[in-house]
C-alpha atoms as a PDB file:
ATOM      1  CA  UNK A   1      -2.718  38.920  28.264  1.00  0.00           C
ATOM      2  CA  UNK A   2      -1.609  42.004  26.356  1.00  0.00           C
ATOM      3  CA  UNK A   3      -0.879  43.763  29.632  1.00  0.00           C
ATOM      4  CA  UNK A   4       1.764  41.134  30.407  1.00  0.00           C
ATOM      5  CA  UNK A   5       3.310  41.732  26.982  1.00  0.00           C
ATOM      6  CA  UNK A   6       3.278  45.474  27.651  1.00  0.00           C
ATOM      7  CA  UNK A   7       5.264  44.978  30.880  1.00  0.00           C
ATOM      8  CA  UNK A   8       7.997  43.168  28.938  1.00  0.00           C
ATOM      9  CA  UNK A   9       8.046  45.925  26.317  1.00  0.00           C
ATOM     10  CA  UNK A  10       8.265  48.477  29.126  1.00  0.00           C
ATOM     11  CA  UNK A  11      11.348  46.775  30.571  1.00  0.00           C
ATOM     12  CA  UNK A  12      13.075  46.649  27.188  1.00  0.00           C
ATOM     13  CA  UNK A  13      12.170  50.258  26.391  1.00  0.00           C
ATOM     14  CA  UNK A  14      13.539  51.323  29.764  1.00  0.00           C
ATOM     15  CA  UNK A  15      16.797  49.471  29.169  1.00  0.00           C
ATOM     16  CA  UNK A  16      16.930  50.840  25.580  1.00  0.00           C
ATOM     17  CA  UNK A  17      18.474  47.510  24.542  1.00  0.00           C
ATOM     18  CA  UNK A  18      18.854  44.144  26.239  1.00  0.00           C
ATOM     19  CA  UNK A  19      21.685  41.965  24.978  1.00  0.00           C
ATOM     20  CA  UNK A  20      20.961  38.295  25.533  1.00  0.00           C
ATOM     21  CA  UNK A  21      17.925  36.113  26.093  1.00  0.00           C
ATOM     22  CA  UNK A  22      19.391  34.879  29.356  1.00  0.00           C
ATOM     23  CA  UNK A  23      19.915  38.436  30.577  1.00  0.00           C
ATOM     24  CA  UNK A  24      16.304  39.357  29.815  1.00  0.00           C
ATOM     25  CA  UNK A  25      15.068  36.251  31.656  1.00  0.00           C
ATOM     26  CA  UNK A  26      17.140  37.128  34.724  1.00  0.00           C
ATOM     27  CA  UNK A  27      16.116  40.789  34.725  1.00  0.00           C
ATOM     28  CA  UNK A  28      12.403  39.923  34.652  1.00  0.00           C
ATOM     29  CA  UNK A  29      12.815  37.206  37.298  1.00  0.00           C
ATOM     30  CA  UNK A  30      14.711  39.537  39.636  1.00  0.00           C
ATOM     31  CA  UNK A  31      12.126  42.295  39.086  1.00  0.00           C
ATOM     32  CA  UNK A  32       9.363  39.808  39.889  1.00  0.00           C
ATOM     33  CA  UNK A  33      11.164  38.746  43.077  1.00  0.00           C
ATOM     34  CA  UNK A  34      11.414  42.430  44.035  1.00  0.00           C
ATOM     35  CA  UNK A  35       7.582  42.439  43.948  1.00  0.00           C
ATOM     36  CA  UNK A  36       7.155  44.185  40.619  1.00  0.00           C
ATOM     37  CA  UNK A  37       3.985  42.995  38.844  1.00  0.00           C
ATOM     38  CA  UNK A  38       5.342  40.302  36.535  1.00  0.00           C
ATOM     39  CA  UNK A  39       3.154  37.193  36.367  1.00  0.00           C
ATOM     40  CA  UNK A  40       5.351  34.750  34.454  1.00  0.00           C
ATOM     41  CA  UNK A  41       6.011  31.389  36.101  1.00  0.00           C
ATOM     42  CA  UNK A  42       9.687  30.496  36.539  1.00  0.00           C
ATOM     43  CA  UNK A  43      11.291  27.102  37.092  1.00  0.00           C
ATOM     44  CA  UNK A  44      14.914  26.277  37.759  1.00  0.00           C
ATOM     45  CA  UNK A  45      16.778  25.449  34.550  1.00  0.00           C
ATOM     46  CA  UNK A  46      20.372  25.148  33.306  1.00  0.00           C
ATOM     47  CA  UNK A  47      21.098  28.865  33.664  1.00  0.00           C
ATOM     48  CA  UNK A  48      19.012  29.480  36.759  1.00  0.00           C
ATOM     49  CA  UNK A  49      15.388  30.621  36.867  1.00  0.00           C
ATOM     50  CA  UNK A  50      13.747  30.354  33.448  1.00  0.00           C
ATOM     51  CA  UNK A  51      10.248  31.088  32.182  1.00  0.00           C
ATOM     52  CA  UNK A  52       8.908  29.354  29.106  1.00  0.00           C
ATOM     53  CA  UNK A  53       6.013  31.835  29.217  1.00  0.00           C
ATOM     54  CA  UNK A  54       8.444  34.742  28.951  1.00  0.00           C
ATOM     55  CA  UNK A  55      10.223  33.097  26.016  1.00  0.00           C
ATOM     56  CA  UNK A  56       6.902  32.654  24.201  1.00  0.00           C
ATOM     57  CA  UNK A  57       5.818  36.227  24.959  1.00  0.00           C
ATOM     58  CA  UNK A  58       9.090  37.607  23.561  1.00  0.00           C
ATOM     59  CA  UNK A  59       8.648  35.476  20.416  1.00  0.00           C
ATOM     60  CA  UNK A  60       5.105  36.814  20.053  1.00  0.00           C
ATOM     61  CA  UNK A  61       6.300  40.400  20.459  1.00  0.00           C
ATOM     62  CA  UNK A  62       8.939  39.842  17.765  1.00  0.00           C
ATOM     63  CA  UNK A  63       6.357  38.220  15.450  1.00  0.00           C
ATOM     64  CA  UNK A  64       3.937  41.127  16.005  1.00  0.00           C
ATOM     65  CA  UNK A  65       6.678  43.582  15.052  1.00  0.00           C
ATOM     66  CA  UNK A  66       6.805  45.202  18.499  1.00  0.00           C
ATOM     67  CA  UNK A  67      10.325  44.016  19.306  1.00  0.00           C
ATOM     68  CA  UNK A  68      13.375  44.008  17.098  1.00  0.00           C
ATOM     69  CA  UNK A  69      15.442  40.849  17.597  1.00  0.00           C
ATOM     70  CA  UNK A  70      18.945  40.822  16.122  1.00  0.00           C
ATOM     71  CA  UNK A  71      20.793  37.505  16.085  1.00  0.00           C
ATOM     72  CA  UNK A  72      24.591  37.848  16.214  1.00  0.00           C
ATOM     73  CA  UNK A  73      27.218  35.133  15.887  1.00  0.00           C
ATOM     74  CA  UNK A  74      29.506  35.293  18.954  1.00  0.00           C
ATOM     75  CA  UNK A  75      32.230  32.700  18.739  1.00  0.00           C
ATOM     76  CA  UNK A  76      30.508  29.337  19.056  1.00  0.00           C
ATOM     77  CA  UNK A  77      27.030  30.610  19.893  1.00  0.00           C
ATOM     78  CA  UNK A  78      24.380  33.143  18.896  1.00  0.00           C
ATOM     79  CA  UNK A  79      23.511  36.172  20.966  1.00  0.00           C
ATOM     80  CA  UNK A  80      20.253  38.086  20.648  1.00  0.00           C
ATOM     81  CA  UNK A  81      19.719  41.839  21.013  1.00  0.00           C
ATOM     82  CA  UNK A  82      16.286  43.238  21.754  1.00  0.00           C
ATOM     83  CA  UNK A  83      15.014  46.750  21.157  1.00  0.00           C
ATOM     84  CA  UNK A  84      11.561  48.248  20.995  1.00  0.00           C
ATOM     85  CA  UNK A  85      10.315  49.029  17.473  1.00  0.00           C
ATOM     86  CA  UNK A  86       8.272  52.096  16.545  1.00  0.00           C
ATOM     87  CA  UNK A  87       5.152  49.887  16.469  1.00  0.00           C
ATOM     88  CA  UNK A  88       6.108  48.522  19.879  1.00  0.00           C
ATOM     89  CA  UNK A  89       6.309  52.054  21.244  1.00  0.00           C
ATOM     90  CA  UNK A  90       2.876  52.881  19.840  1.00  0.00           C
ATOM     91  CA  UNK A  91       1.428  49.686  21.321  1.00  0.00           C
ATOM     92  CA  UNK A  92       3.002  50.511  24.663  1.00  0.00           C
ATOM     93  CA  UNK A  93       1.329  53.923  24.690  1.00  0.00           C
ATOM     94  CA  UNK A  94      -2.057  52.202  24.301  1.00  0.00           C
ATOM     95  CA  UNK A  95      -1.563  49.436  26.855  1.00  0.00           C
ATOM     96  CA  UNK A  96       0.937  50.745  29.338  1.00  0.00           C
ATOM     97  CA  UNK A  97      -0.042  50.416  32.944  1.00  0.00           C
ATOM     98  CA  UNK A  98       1.166  52.650  35.717  1.00  0.00           C
ATOM     99  CA  UNK A  99       4.282  50.845  36.885  1.00  0.00           C
ATOM    100  CA  UNK A 100       6.401  51.970  39.841  1.00  0.00           C
ATOM    101  CA  UNK A 101       9.232  54.336  38.883  1.00  0.00           C
ATOM    102  CA  UNK A 102      11.633  52.137  40.839  1.00  0.00           C
ATOM    103  CA  UNK A 103      11.054  49.431  38.238  1.00  0.00           C
ATOM    104  CA  UNK A 104      12.823  51.659  35.707  1.00  0.00           C
ATOM    105  CA  UNK A 105      15.695  52.270  38.121  1.00  0.00           C
ATOM    106  CA  UNK A 106      16.082  48.555  38.819  1.00  0.00           C
ATOM    107  CA  UNK A 107      15.862  47.591  35.124  1.00  0.00           C
ATOM    108  CA  UNK A 108      18.511  50.152  34.169  1.00  0.00           C
ATOM    109  CA  UNK A 109      20.770  49.040  36.997  1.00  0.00           C
ATOM    110  CA  UNK A 110      20.405  45.343  36.145  1.00  0.00           C
ATOM    111  CA  UNK A 111      21.015  46.001  32.458  1.00  0.00           C
ATOM    112  CA  UNK A 112      24.490  47.318  33.361  1.00  0.00           C
ATOM    113  CA  UNK A 113      25.396  43.977  34.953  1.00  0.00           C
ATOM    114  CA  UNK A 114      26.710  40.922  33.121  1.00  0.00           C
ATOM    115  CA  UNK A 115      24.460  37.975  32.307  1.00  0.00           C
ATOM    116  CA  UNK A 116      26.755  35.785  34.395  1.00  0.00           C
ATOM    117  CA  UNK A 117      26.270  37.993  37.451  1.00  0.00           C
ATOM    118  CA  UNK A 118      22.501  38.215  36.956  1.00  0.00           C
ATOM    119  CA  UNK A 119      22.424  34.414  36.659  1.00  0.00           C
ATOM    120  CA  UNK A 120      24.055  34.248  40.089  1.00  0.00           C
ATOM    121  CA  UNK A 121      21.753  36.889  41.604  1.00  0.00           C
ATOM    122  CA  UNK A 122      18.637  35.164  40.276  1.00  0.00           C
ATOM    123  CA  UNK A 123      19.893  31.796  41.548  1.00  0.00           C
ATOM    124  CA  UNK A 124      20.487  33.257  45.019  1.00  0.00           C
ATOM    125  CA  UNK A 125      16.942  34.643  44.963  1.00  0.00           C
ATOM    126  CA  UNK A 126      15.549  31.321  43.748  1.00  0.00           C
ATOM    127  CA  UNK A 127      16.996  29.550  46.798  1.00  0.00           C
ATOM    128  CA  UNK A 128      16.440  32.369  49.299  1.00  0.00           C
ATOM    129  CA  UNK A 129      14.196  30.204  51.501  1.00  0.00           C
ATOM    130  CA  UNK A 130      17.321  28.267  52.495  1.00  0.00           C
ATOM    131  CA  UNK A 131      19.702  29.410  55.229  1.00  0.00           C
ATOM    132  CA  UNK A 132      22.489  31.574  53.811  1.00  0.00           C
ATOM    133  CA  UNK A 133      25.197  28.925  54.332  1.00  0.00           C
ATOM    134  CA  UNK A 134      23.078  26.404  52.421  1.00  0.00           C
ATOM    135  CA  UNK A 135      22.711  28.821  49.517  1.00  0.00           C
ATOM    136  CA  UNK A 136      26.513  28.854  49.114  1.00  0.00           C
ATOM    137  CA  UNK A 137      26.516  25.045  49.039  1.00  0.00           C
ATOM    138  CA  UNK A 138      23.556  24.863  46.664  1.00  0.00           C
ATOM    139  CA  UNK A 139      25.195  27.277  44.229  1.00  0.00           C
ATOM    140  CA  UNK A 140      28.404  25.260  44.236  1.00  0.00           C
ATOM    141  CA  UNK A 141      26.300  22.187  43.380  1.00  0.00           C
ATOM    142  CA  UNK A 142      23.908  23.521  40.752  1.00  0.00           C
ATOM    143  CA  UNK A 143      26.332  26.040  39.252  1.00  0.00           C
ATOM    144  CA  UNK A 144      29.574  24.054  39.461  1.00  0.00           C
ATOM    145  CA  UNK A 145      30.502  24.852  35.844  1.00  0.00           C
ATOM    146  CA  UNK A 146      30.259  28.594  36.547  1.00  0.00           C
ATOM    147  CA  UNK A 147      32.773  28.300  39.405  1.00  0.00           C
ATOM    148  CA  UNK A 148      31.298  31.165  41.414  1.00  0.00           C
ATOM    149  CA  UNK A 149      33.524  32.207  44.301  1.00  0.00           C
ATOM    150  CA  UNK A 150      32.244  33.008  47.787  1.00  0.00           C
ATOM    151  CA  UNK A 151      33.201  36.632  47.090  1.00  0.00           C
ATOM    152  CA  UNK A 152      30.957  36.667  44.016  1.00  0.00           C
ATOM    153  CA  UNK A 153      28.112  35.147  46.012  1.00  0.00           C
ATOM    154  CA  UNK A 154      28.661  37.783  48.724  1.00  0.00           C
ATOM    155  CA  UNK A 155      28.499  40.439  45.995  1.00  0.00           C
ATOM    156  CA  UNK A 156      25.208  38.936  44.761  1.00  0.00           C
ATOM    157  CA  UNK A 157      23.727  39.140  48.281  1.00  0.00           C
ATOM    158  CA  UNK A 158      24.885  42.780  48.526  1.00  0.00           C
ATOM    159  CA  UNK A 159      23.402  43.584  45.140  1.00  0.00           C
ATOM    160  CA  UNK A 160      20.041  42.074  46.129  1.00  0.00           C
ATOM    161  CA  UNK A 161      20.056  44.244  49.253  1.00  0.00           C
ATOM    162  CA  UNK A 162      20.865  47.342  47.202  1.00  0.00           C
ATOM    163  CA  UNK A 163      17.955  46.602  44.846  1.00  0.00           C
ATOM    164  CA  UNK A 164      15.622  46.046  47.801  1.00  0.00           C
ATOM    165  CA  UNK A 165      16.787  49.343  49.323  1.00  0.00           C
ATOM    166  CA  UNK A 166      16.112  51.097  46.033  1.00  0.00           C
ATOM    167  CA  UNK A 167      12.566  49.729  46.039  1.00  0.00           C
ATOM    168  CA  UNK A 168      11.952  50.413  49.748  1.00  0.00           C
ATOM    169  CA  UNK A 169      13.327  53.969  49.636  1.00  0.00           C
ATOM    170  CA  UNK A 170      10.946  54.841  46.795  1.00  0.00           C
ATOM    171  CA  UNK A 171       7.981  53.384  48.686  1.00  0.00           C
ATOM    172  CA  UNK A 172       8.765  55.588  51.688  1.00  0.00           C
ATOM    173  CA  UNK A 173       8.733  58.785  49.612  1.00  0.00           C
END
């Protein structure tokens, strides 16, 4: 159990700071879909793939003092910022597993993207068993309020390929 918590701490430490619960959910889901060793179960929810397990683990990490959670008022909603605490860093040193270096590259790259874009990327990955044309239709149905364009969906497919290349190139070295 604590090893799963350590993997989440590792991702946040790598990113230095993750702004948004949704963004963290999408980053972990995408990393899992890229075959990194995340075990959380994800279901499709309002904002795409969502893991209740991940939400509970983050809450536990905050309650244990390993993660700093800052709640900020942003217009009509609250946004959360996550950073590793000193205690979290010490815990990570004790429990950290050897994770692929490409995980760090992928986490850093994803953290530069917007939550909206990562929501699209994770949704594309969630429905990747469908033919490509059907994914476009599915996104227009389940994400109608987001109004994703075909160009944005194309960009999501390209981004997924670039992440997969990043992972595959490292494995070949």
